[in-house]
Each structure stands twice: as C-alpha cells, then as structure tokens.
Amino acid sequence: MPEIKLTSEELRYMSLFQDITKVTARDCIIDEKNNRIIFLINPENMGIAIGKNGSNVKKLEKLLGKSVEIVGYSDNLEDLIKNLMAPARVKTIKLVESNSKKTVYITVEAQDKGLAIGKSGRNVERAKLILKRYMDIDSVVVV
C-alpha cells in the first residue's frame, strides 16, 4: 500500500467518522467534483459504519453538507474492485498495461451496467480515485 499523506481536513473527517460510527476509517478521499466524501474501511465493519437504516451515513451527511460514501477496502485488486462496484455483480477484471499506463477493464452483468457506472459516471469516478491512489491504475472501463 502506498504511503498516503492525509490533509488536516481529511484527518478531521476521519475523526468525526469514527466518533459517529465507532469504526476506524482507513482512508478518506474528498471528491470536490461530486461534492462527496469517500471513506475506506475494513469490509467487515460495513454494517456498523452505515448504521441501522443508514443512520450514521445520514448523520455524517447532515454534519458535513456533502454526500458520504463508504467503501470496503482490500489490498487485493479484485476484491477492492468488487467492493467499489457493489451492488453491481462483477464478472471479470482485466488489468492492461501499455506505455506505463494501467487500465482496468471491469465486466459486469449486463443488467448491472448502469449500477456499476452510476449516475453521471459517479461510481466509475470513485473507482478511478481509489484505484489510482492505491494501485496506481490510470483508468477504469466498465464493459
């Protein structure tokens, strides 16, 4: 895992996340473009972090004035991609390197393609941010 330097703002969000959810976030990514904050946590803590009927997420969104997304982290590329694309069902993942650029092609069930891409490509954008940060992947293509 690459060394990630967190800003004081990200650290503040992570501390607030922990206060509200009682779950320690591994990372926090502020996505200004989509007005959201993405927290990466250990997958086994997803339920606790989200809270009953999403209560923790709602509380965080109200306090932060941005949408909050929680993703299960994994050091394993395949697991991380499956977590990023959930609830879309991932069929295959292919990593292609050319000219020192890495592209990951993710094949999902046909009926899940819209889910995987997300409204205005939000989910692909989220996958790009996280995969660039952890796996040095330059682009994400959902097929």
Protein backbone atom coordinates (compact mmCIF):
# COMPACT_ATOMS: atom_id res chain seq x y z
CA MET A 1 0.00 0.00 0.00
CA PRO A 2 1.49 3.36 -0.96
CA GLU A 3 2.21 5.95 1.71
CA ILE A 4 -0.75 8.29 1.73
CA LYS A 5 -0.47 11.75 3.20
CA LEU A 6 -3.76 12.93 4.61
CA THR A 7 -4.62 16.60 4.89
CA SER A 8 -5.79 18.02 8.21
CA GLU A 9 -9.28 18.25 6.70
CA GLU A 10 -9.25 14.53 5.81
CA LEU A 11 -7.98 13.66 9.28
CA ARG A 12 -10.76 15.76 10.83
CA TYR A 13 -13.38 13.94 8.72
CA MET A 14 -11.91 10.57 9.71
CA SER A 15 -12.07 11.51 13.38
CA LEU A 16 -15.70 12.64 13.01
CA PHE A 17 -16.45 9.41 11.11
CA GLN A 18 -15.01 7.40 13.99
CA ASP A 19 -16.93 9.42 16.61
CA ILE A 20 -20.23 8.81 14.86
CA THR A 21 -19.81 5.27 13.53
CA LYS A 22 -17.38 3.83 16.13
CA VAL A 23 -15.48 2.43 13.14
CA THR A 24 -11.95 3.48 12.23
CA ALA A 25 -11.67 4.66 8.63
CA ARG A 26 -8.54 3.54 6.78
CA ASP A 27 -8.69 6.50 4.44
CA CYS A 28 -10.79 9.45 3.46
CA ILE A 29 -10.99 10.97 0.00
CA ILE A 30 -12.60 14.35 -0.56
CA ASP A 31 -14.15 14.43 -4.01
CA GLU A 32 -14.93 18.12 -4.61
CA LYS A 33 -16.13 17.49 -8.16
CA ASN A 34 -19.00 15.28 -6.97
CA ASN A 35 -19.44 17.03 -3.59
CA ARG A 36 -18.84 13.86 -1.60
CA ILE A 37 -16.51 12.30 0.91
CA ILE A 38 -15.48 8.69 0.45
CA PHE A 39 -14.37 6.68 3.47
CA LEU A 40 -12.49 3.41 3.10
CA ILE A 41 -12.97 0.93 5.92
CA ASN A 42 -12.38 -2.74 6.62
CA PRO A 43 -15.22 -4.60 4.83
CA GLU A 44 -16.29 -6.49 7.95
CA ASN A 45 -17.25 -3.16 9.58
CA MET A 46 -19.60 -2.03 6.77
CA GLY A 47 -22.84 -2.70 8.64
CA ILE A 48 -21.70 -0.93 11.80
CA ALA A 49 -20.36 2.04 9.84
CA ILE A 50 -23.53 2.52 7.78
CA GLY A 51 -25.76 2.18 10.84
CA LYS A 52 -29.35 0.99 11.14
CA ASN A 53 -31.21 2.14 8.01
CA GLY A 54 -28.17 4.25 7.07
CA SER A 55 -28.48 6.39 10.21
CA ASN A 56 -24.72 7.03 10.53
CA VAL A 57 -24.38 7.98 6.88
CA LYS A 58 -27.35 10.37 7.18
CA LYS A 59 -25.88 11.95 10.32
CA LEU A 60 -22.49 12.44 8.64
CA GLU A 61 -24.08 13.91 5.51
CA LYS A 62 -26.05 16.39 7.60
CA LEU A 63 -22.96 17.45 9.57
CA LEU A 64 -20.66 17.66 6.55
CA GLY A 65 -23.11 19.02 3.99
CA LYS A 66 -21.75 16.56 1.41
CA SER A 67 -22.78 13.10 0.39
CA VAL A 68 -20.92 10.32 2.19
CA GLU A 69 -19.91 7.03 0.62
CA ILE A 70 -18.36 4.09 2.42
CA VAL A 71 -16.28 1.50 0.57
CA GLY A 72 -14.80 -1.73 1.90
CA TYR A 73 -11.03 -1.64 1.42
CA SER A 74 -8.90 -4.56 0.29
CA ASP A 75 -5.21 -4.90 -0.63
CA ASN A 76 -6.34 -7.37 -3.27
CA LEU A 77 -7.18 -5.61 -6.55
CA GLU A 78 -10.02 -7.97 -7.44
CA ASP A 79 -11.71 -7.68 -4.02
CA LEU A 80 -11.28 -3.91 -3.97
CA ILE A 81 -12.91 -3.61 -7.41
CA LYS A 82 -15.81 -5.86 -6.35
CA ASN A 83 -16.32 -3.65 -3.28
CA LEU A 84 -16.15 -0.50 -5.40
CA MET A 85 -18.67 -1.78 -7.93
CA ALA A 86 -21.15 -3.28 -5.41
CA PRO A 87 -24.04 -3.88 -5.67
CA ALA A 88 -23.25 -4.47 -9.37
CA ARG A 89 -22.06 -8.04 -9.97
CA VAL A 90 -18.55 -8.17 -11.37
CA LYS A 91 -17.89 -10.99 -13.85
CA THR A 92 -14.29 -10.35 -14.91
CA ILE A 93 -11.47 -7.93 -14.20
CA LYS A 94 -8.63 -7.43 -16.65
CA LEU A 95 -5.63 -5.21 -15.98
CA VAL A 96 -3.88 -3.95 -19.11
CA GLU A 97 -0.58 -2.05 -19.12
CA SER A 98 0.59 -0.07 -22.09
CA ASN A 99 3.04 2.84 -22.28
CA SER A 100 3.38 2.77 -18.47
CA LYS A 101 -0.35 3.44 -18.15
CA LYS A 102 -2.55 0.94 -16.36
CA THR A 103 -6.17 0.45 -17.36
CA VAL A 104 -8.55 -1.92 -15.66
CA TYR A 105 -11.46 -3.35 -17.65
CA ILE A 106 -14.33 -4.43 -15.47
CA THR A 107 -17.04 -6.64 -16.95
CA VAL A 108 -20.31 -6.64 -15.03
CA GLU A 109 -23.62 -8.44 -15.54
CA ALA A 110 -25.43 -6.68 -18.43
CA GLN A 111 -28.35 -5.57 -16.25
CA ASP A 112 -25.89 -4.12 -13.69
CA LYS A 113 -24.00 -1.86 -16.08
CA GLY A 114 -25.93 1.28 -15.12
CA LEU A 115 -25.45 0.44 -11.45
CA ALA A 116 -21.72 -0.04 -11.93
CA ILE A 117 -21.24 3.24 -13.80
CA GLY A 118 -23.54 5.24 -11.54
CA LYS A 119 -25.39 8.48 -12.20
CA SER A 120 -23.20 10.66 -14.48
CA GLY A 121 -20.39 8.12 -14.04
CA ARG A 122 -20.05 8.77 -10.28
CA ASN A 123 -19.16 5.17 -9.43
CA VAL A 124 -16.55 4.89 -12.16
CA GLU A 125 -15.12 8.21 -10.96
CA ARG A 126 -14.97 6.87 -7.38
CA ALA A 127 -13.27 3.68 -8.59
CA LYS A 128 -10.72 5.79 -10.51
CA LEU A 129 -9.88 7.95 -7.49
CA ILE A 130 -9.37 4.96 -5.21
CA LEU A 131 -7.60 2.68 -7.72
CA LYS A 132 -5.21 5.50 -8.69
CA ARG A 133 -4.40 6.15 -5.04
CA TYR A 134 -3.80 2.53 -4.04
CA MET A 135 -2.97 0.52 -7.16
CA ASP A 136 -1.62 3.25 -9.45
CA ILE A 137 -4.26 2.48 -12.07
CA ASP A 138 -4.84 5.33 -14.52
CA SER A 139 -8.21 4.48 -15.98
CA VAL A 140 -11.25 2.34 -15.32
CA VAL A 141 -13.50 0.99 -18.07
CA VAL A 142 -16.78 -0.76 -17.34
CA VAL A 143 -17.79 -3.17 -20.11
